[in-house]
Amino acid sequence: SVTQPGADEPPELAMKTKALLGYATFPSEEVAVRVSRQLVSEGLIACANIFPPHTAIYGWNGAILQEKECAVIFKTVATRTATLGERIRAIHPYQLPALVFL
């Protein structure tokens, strides 16, 4: 069964737990969907919003690169961000994935 973030916390703690958004990019919609479904099934996020492919321009190893990527917004709670960050880094195909929590 899927556990929503904060569901396993006492009500008084869950009400004080700050909801956060996580942002990450993936090399394709296929990968974004696979990772998002896995994170929901593991209870680390409540949901994911996957955006259509966009163009990313970035510096890597001294070169300026341009690639298509899919951005994902993850909805979670503050108490799960450390575990979520570790999990995304473990299953993400990029060597250094972009991951920001707001």
Protein backbone atom coordinates (compact mmCIF):
# COMPACT_ATOMS: atom_id res chain seq x y z
CA SER A 1 0.00 0.00 0.00
CA VAL A 2 1.07 3.57 -0.65
CA THR A 3 1.74 5.81 2.33
CA GLN A 4 1.25 9.51 1.77
CA PRO A 5 4.05 11.72 3.11
CA GLY A 6 3.26 12.63 6.69
CA ALA A 7 0.67 9.83 7.07
CA ASP A 8 2.84 7.83 9.47
CA GLU A 9 3.40 10.83 11.77
CA PRO A 10 1.25 11.71 14.78
CA PRO A 11 -1.46 14.25 13.83
CA GLU A 12 0.12 17.01 15.92
CA LEU A 13 3.45 16.56 14.10
CA ALA A 14 1.88 16.15 10.66
CA MET A 15 0.05 19.47 11.08
CA LYS A 16 3.36 21.19 11.91
CA THR A 17 5.22 19.46 9.07
CA LYS A 18 5.99 21.85 6.27
CA ALA A 19 4.96 20.81 2.78
CA LEU A 20 7.73 21.24 0.22
CA LEU A 21 8.16 21.05 -3.51
CA GLY A 22 11.14 19.31 -5.05
CA TYR A 23 12.35 20.07 -8.57
CA ALA A 24 14.42 17.72 -10.71
CA THR A 25 15.07 17.16 -14.39
CA PHE A 26 15.28 13.87 -16.28
CA PRO A 27 16.58 12.87 -19.72
CA SER A 28 13.14 11.79 -20.97
CA GLU A 29 9.48 11.61 -20.03
CA GLU A 30 9.82 7.83 -19.80
CA VAL A 31 12.51 8.10 -17.10
CA ALA A 32 10.61 10.86 -15.27
CA VAL A 33 7.48 8.68 -15.14
CA ARG A 34 9.41 5.60 -13.97
CA VAL A 35 11.21 7.47 -11.17
CA SER A 36 8.06 9.34 -10.11
CA ARG A 37 5.97 6.16 -9.91
CA GLN A 38 8.71 4.51 -7.84
CA LEU A 39 8.88 7.45 -5.41
CA VAL A 40 5.09 7.47 -4.97
CA SER A 41 5.05 3.71 -4.40
CA GLU A 42 7.81 4.08 -1.77
CA GLY A 43 5.80 6.79 0.01
CA LEU A 44 8.50 9.45 -0.39
CA ILE A 45 6.27 11.82 -2.38
CA ALA A 46 2.54 12.47 -2.45
CA CYS A 47 2.55 13.13 -6.20
CA ALA A 48 4.65 14.28 -9.13
CA ASN A 49 3.86 16.74 -11.89
CA ILE A 50 5.80 15.91 -15.05
CA PHE A 51 6.23 18.69 -17.57
CA PRO A 52 6.65 18.24 -21.34
CA PRO A 53 10.17 18.10 -22.74
CA HIS A 54 12.03 21.40 -22.79
CA THR A 55 15.47 22.55 -23.89
CA ALA A 56 18.18 22.69 -21.24
CA ILE A 57 21.42 24.57 -21.84
CA TYR A 58 24.19 23.92 -19.32
CA GLY A 59 27.92 23.76 -18.80
CA TRP A 60 29.51 20.33 -18.31
CA ASN A 61 33.19 19.38 -18.39
CA GLY A 62 34.17 22.66 -20.03
CA ALA A 63 31.58 22.50 -22.82
CA ILE A 64 28.21 24.19 -23.28
CA LEU A 65 25.62 21.50 -23.99
CA GLN A 66 22.03 21.64 -25.17
CA GLU A 67 19.68 18.71 -24.52
CA LYS A 68 15.98 17.89 -24.22
CA GLU A 69 14.87 17.16 -20.63
CA CYS A 70 11.66 16.75 -18.64
CA ALA A 71 11.21 18.70 -15.42
CA VAL A 72 9.33 17.19 -12.49
CA ILE A 73 7.83 18.87 -9.44
CA PHE A 74 7.62 16.47 -6.47
CA LYS A 75 5.22 17.20 -3.59
CA THR A 76 6.49 15.99 -0.22
CA VAL A 77 7.02 17.09 3.38
CA ALA A 78 10.09 18.56 5.05
CA THR A 79 10.70 15.44 7.14
CA ARG A 80 11.23 13.39 3.96
CA THR A 81 13.56 15.63 1.96
CA ALA A 82 16.84 14.06 3.09
CA THR A 83 15.63 10.53 2.33
CA LEU A 84 13.99 11.66 -0.91
CA GLY A 85 17.18 13.40 -2.05
CA GLU A 86 19.26 10.30 -1.35
CA ARG A 87 16.77 8.08 -3.16
CA ILE A 88 16.58 10.29 -6.24
CA ARG A 89 20.38 10.42 -6.46
CA ALA A 90 20.53 6.62 -6.16
CA ILE A 91 18.06 5.91 -9.00
CA HIS A 92 18.65 8.92 -11.26
CA PRO A 93 20.51 8.24 -14.51
CA TYR A 94 22.50 11.51 -14.36
CA GLN A 95 25.87 11.53 -12.65
CA LEU A 96 24.97 14.81 -10.93
CA PRO A 97 21.18 15.31 -11.03
CA ALA A 98 19.69 18.73 -10.50
CA LEU A 99 17.61 18.59 -7.34
CA VAL A 100 16.18 21.61 -5.53
CA PHE A 101 13.67 21.79 -2.64
CA LEU A 102 11.52 24.89 -2.21
